Amino acid sequence: MPDDDFQAFVEQRYTALLRTAYLLCGSRDRAEDVLQNALAAALPQWRRMEHPEAYLRRVMVNQLANGWRRPIREIVTAVLPDRARHAGDAVEDRDELWRALRRLPVRMRAVLVLRYWEDRSEQETAQILGVTVGTVKSHSSRGLARLRELIEPGPSAALTTANGGN
C-alpha cells in the first residue's frame, strides 16, 4: 500500500483499532498510547504490508504482553450456571465484564477480544497472534471459564472468604 493510503487507512480504521486496544488494556489513555505506538511501528513498513490491520493488532498485543509479563496462575473450576438477569443490569454487567477481562493474562484477553468481540475465527485469531489454533482454543476455553469465575465466584470461593481465606 502506498504511503498516501496510510492516512486514509488510519482515518477509516482508527476507532475500531482504538476499541480493540481499549479492550486489551482497559484504559482509554493507555489504549491511545498503545495504538499510537503500533501505528508508528507500522509506518516504515507500510508499503510491504499485505494485512495492515492484522499487523497492528499483533503489535498491540505483543506490546502489552511485553509490558505485563508475569507468571500465569489460574484455577480452572467446573462450569457455573448463568445467573438470573434483570432489565437494569446491562450497564452493571458490562462494567463487571470489563473489570474481569482486565484481570486475565494479556494473551488470554487478546484471544477473547479477537474471537468474541471482533468475531474472528480461530484461524484468524491464531494468525494475528502468531500462535496455533490449539492455543486459541485452549485460551478461549480457559479464558471463558476464568471470566465466569471472576464474574460469579463459585461456592469454594465463598467458603474460602467465609473461613477467613483458609
Protein backbone atom coordinates (compact mmCIF):
# COMPACT_ATOMS: atom_id res chain seq x y z
CA MET A 1 0.00 0.00 0.00
CA PRO A 2 1.41 3.46 -0.83
CA ASP A 3 2.27 5.93 1.98
CA ASP A 4 -0.57 8.19 0.83
CA ASP A 5 -3.01 5.47 1.80
CA PHE A 6 -1.68 5.34 5.37
CA GLN A 7 -3.57 8.45 6.47
CA ALA A 8 -6.78 7.25 4.82
CA PHE A 9 -6.41 3.84 6.47
CA VAL A 10 -5.86 5.42 9.89
CA GLU A 11 -8.85 7.73 9.48
CA GLN A 12 -11.06 4.84 8.43
CA ARG A 13 -9.96 2.20 10.98
CA TYR A 14 -8.81 4.29 13.96
CA THR A 15 -11.99 3.91 16.01
CA ALA A 16 -12.14 0.13 15.59
CA LEU A 17 -8.43 -0.24 16.39
CA LEU A 18 -8.77 2.04 19.43
CA ARG A 19 -11.70 -0.06 20.66
CA THR A 20 -9.58 -3.20 20.35
CA ALA A 21 -6.69 -1.53 22.18
CA TYR A 22 -9.07 -0.43 24.94
CA LEU A 23 -10.42 -3.94 25.37
CA LEU A 24 -6.88 -5.28 25.54
CA CYS A 25 -5.62 -2.87 28.19
CA GLY A 26 -8.74 -1.47 29.91
CA SER A 27 -7.73 2.20 29.88
CA ARG A 28 -8.57 4.76 27.23
CA ASP A 29 -5.34 6.70 27.77
CA ARG A 30 -3.23 3.55 27.65
CA ALA A 31 -5.19 2.33 24.60
CA GLU A 32 -4.38 5.54 22.73
CA ASP A 33 -0.69 5.16 23.59
CA VAL A 34 -0.65 1.51 22.52
CA LEU A 35 -2.36 2.29 19.22
CA GLN A 36 -0.09 5.26 18.50
CA ASN A 37 2.99 3.11 19.14
CA ALA A 38 1.61 0.42 16.83
CA LEU A 39 0.91 2.98 14.11
CA ALA A 40 4.42 4.38 14.48
CA ALA A 41 5.82 0.86 14.07
CA ALA A 42 3.65 0.25 11.01
CA LEU A 43 4.52 3.41 9.07
CA PRO A 44 8.06 2.43 8.00
CA GLN A 45 6.79 -0.94 6.75
CA TRP A 46 3.57 0.35 5.21
CA ARG A 47 4.49 -0.34 1.57
CA ARG A 48 5.29 -4.00 2.30
CA MET A 49 2.18 -4.80 4.36
CA GLU A 50 -0.49 -7.03 2.93
CA HIS A 51 -2.71 -7.06 6.04
CA PRO A 52 -2.10 -3.84 7.98
CA GLU A 53 -4.96 -4.27 10.45
CA ALA A 54 -3.76 -7.73 11.47
CA TYR A 55 -0.22 -6.37 11.80
CA LEU A 56 -1.40 -3.53 14.05
CA ARG A 57 -3.39 -5.89 16.28
CA ARG A 58 -0.39 -8.15 16.66
CA VAL A 59 1.88 -5.22 17.52
CA MET A 60 -0.60 -4.02 20.15
CA VAL A 61 -0.92 -7.47 21.73
CA ASN A 62 2.84 -8.01 21.76
CA GLN A 63 3.44 -4.54 23.18
CA LEU A 64 1.08 -5.22 26.06
CA ALA A 65 2.37 -8.75 26.61
CA ASN A 66 5.95 -7.50 26.85
CA GLY A 67 4.93 -4.89 29.40
CA TRP A 68 2.88 -7.21 31.56
CA ARG A 69 4.89 -10.41 31.66
CA ARG A 70 4.06 -12.31 34.80
CA PRO A 71 3.53 -15.91 35.75
CA ILE A 72 0.11 -17.24 34.84
CA ARG A 73 -1.67 -18.59 37.89
CA GLU A 74 -5.20 -19.69 37.33
CA ILE A 75 -7.54 -22.22 38.78
CA VAL A 76 -9.96 -23.79 36.37
CA THR A 77 -13.23 -24.75 38.02
CA ALA A 78 -16.40 -26.51 36.91
CA VAL A 79 -18.74 -24.55 34.66
CA LEU A 80 -21.03 -22.33 36.70
CA PRO A 81 -24.69 -21.83 35.84
CA ASP A 82 -25.68 -18.46 34.42
CA ARG A 83 -27.23 -16.15 36.96
CA ALA A 84 -30.65 -14.54 36.59
CA ARG A 85 -30.71 -11.24 34.69
CA HIS A 86 -32.83 -8.15 35.21
CA ALA A 87 -33.63 -5.38 32.75
CA GLY A 88 -31.46 -2.76 34.51
CA ASP A 89 -28.36 -4.96 34.77
CA ALA A 90 -26.91 -4.22 31.30
CA VAL A 91 -24.55 -1.41 32.39
CA GLU A 92 -23.52 -3.20 35.58
CA ASP A 93 -22.92 -6.42 33.62
CA ARG A 94 -20.79 -4.63 31.05
CA ASP A 95 -18.69 -2.92 33.72
CA GLU A 96 -18.29 -6.19 35.62
CA LEU A 97 -17.21 -7.92 32.40
CA TRP A 98 -14.58 -5.21 31.64
CA ARG A 99 -13.18 -5.47 35.18
CA ALA A 100 -12.99 -9.26 34.92
CA LEU A 101 -11.46 -9.10 31.43
CA ARG A 102 -8.68 -6.81 32.71
CA ARG A 103 -7.75 -9.44 35.31
CA LEU A 104 -6.94 -12.06 32.67
CA PRO A 105 -3.41 -12.60 31.34
CA VAL A 106 -2.81 -10.45 28.27
CA ARG A 107 -2.63 -13.33 25.74
CA MET A 108 -5.83 -14.87 27.05
CA ARG A 109 -7.53 -11.48 26.98
CA ALA A 110 -6.30 -10.95 23.42
CA VAL A 111 -7.79 -14.28 22.32
CA LEU A 112 -11.16 -13.47 23.88
CA VAL A 113 -11.26 -9.96 22.44
CA LEU A 114 -10.37 -11.13 18.93
CA ARG A 115 -12.62 -14.21 18.98
CA TYR A 116 -15.73 -12.87 20.66
CA TRP A 117 -15.63 -9.06 20.46
CA GLU A 118 -14.29 -8.83 16.92
CA ASP A 119 -15.95 -12.10 15.89
CA ARG A 120 -12.77 -13.52 14.36
CA SER A 121 -12.41 -17.21 13.51
CA GLU A 122 -10.00 -19.41 15.44
CA GLN A 123 -7.73 -19.44 12.39
CA GLU A 124 -7.73 -15.62 12.04
CA THR A 125 -7.09 -15.19 15.75
CA ALA A 126 -4.21 -17.65 15.65
CA GLN A 127 -2.72 -15.88 12.66
CA ILE A 128 -2.98 -12.42 14.25
CA LEU A 129 -1.40 -13.60 17.50
CA GLY A 130 1.19 -15.87 15.88
CA VAL A 131 0.04 -18.96 17.78
CA THR A 132 -1.55 -22.28 16.85
CA VAL A 133 -5.29 -22.83 16.55
CA GLY A 134 -4.98 -25.22 19.51
CA THR A 135 -3.60 -22.40 21.63
CA VAL A 136 -6.53 -20.20 20.63
CA LYS A 137 -8.97 -22.97 21.57
CA SER A 138 -7.38 -23.60 24.96
CA HIS A 139 -7.07 -19.87 25.78
CA SER A 140 -10.73 -19.40 24.75
CA SER A 141 -11.91 -22.24 26.93
CA ARG A 142 -9.81 -21.30 29.94
CA GLY A 143 -10.50 -17.59 29.49
CA LEU A 144 -14.27 -18.04 29.40
CA ALA A 145 -14.11 -20.32 32.44
CA ARG A 146 -11.98 -17.76 34.29
CA LEU A 147 -14.39 -14.95 33.36
CA ARG A 148 -17.29 -16.99 34.75
CA GLU A 149 -15.32 -17.50 37.94
CA LEU A 150 -14.43 -13.81 38.26
CA ILE A 151 -17.94 -12.60 37.50
CA GLU A 152 -19.74 -15.00 39.78
CA PRO A 153 -17.42 -16.81 42.20
CA GLY A 154 -18.42 -20.38 42.93
CA PRO A 155 -19.12 -22.00 46.30
CA SER A 156 -15.44 -22.74 47.00
CA ALA A 157 -14.57 -19.02 46.73
CA ALA A 158 -17.43 -18.12 49.08
CA LEU A 159 -16.28 -20.82 51.54
CA THR A 160 -12.70 -19.55 51.44
CA THR A 161 -13.87 -16.00 52.10
CA ALA A 162 -16.18 -17.16 54.95
CA ASN A 163 -13.30 -19.07 56.57
CA GLY A 164 -11.04 -16.03 56.52
CA GLY A 165 -9.05 -17.12 53.46
CA ASN A 166 -8.13 -20.61 54.76
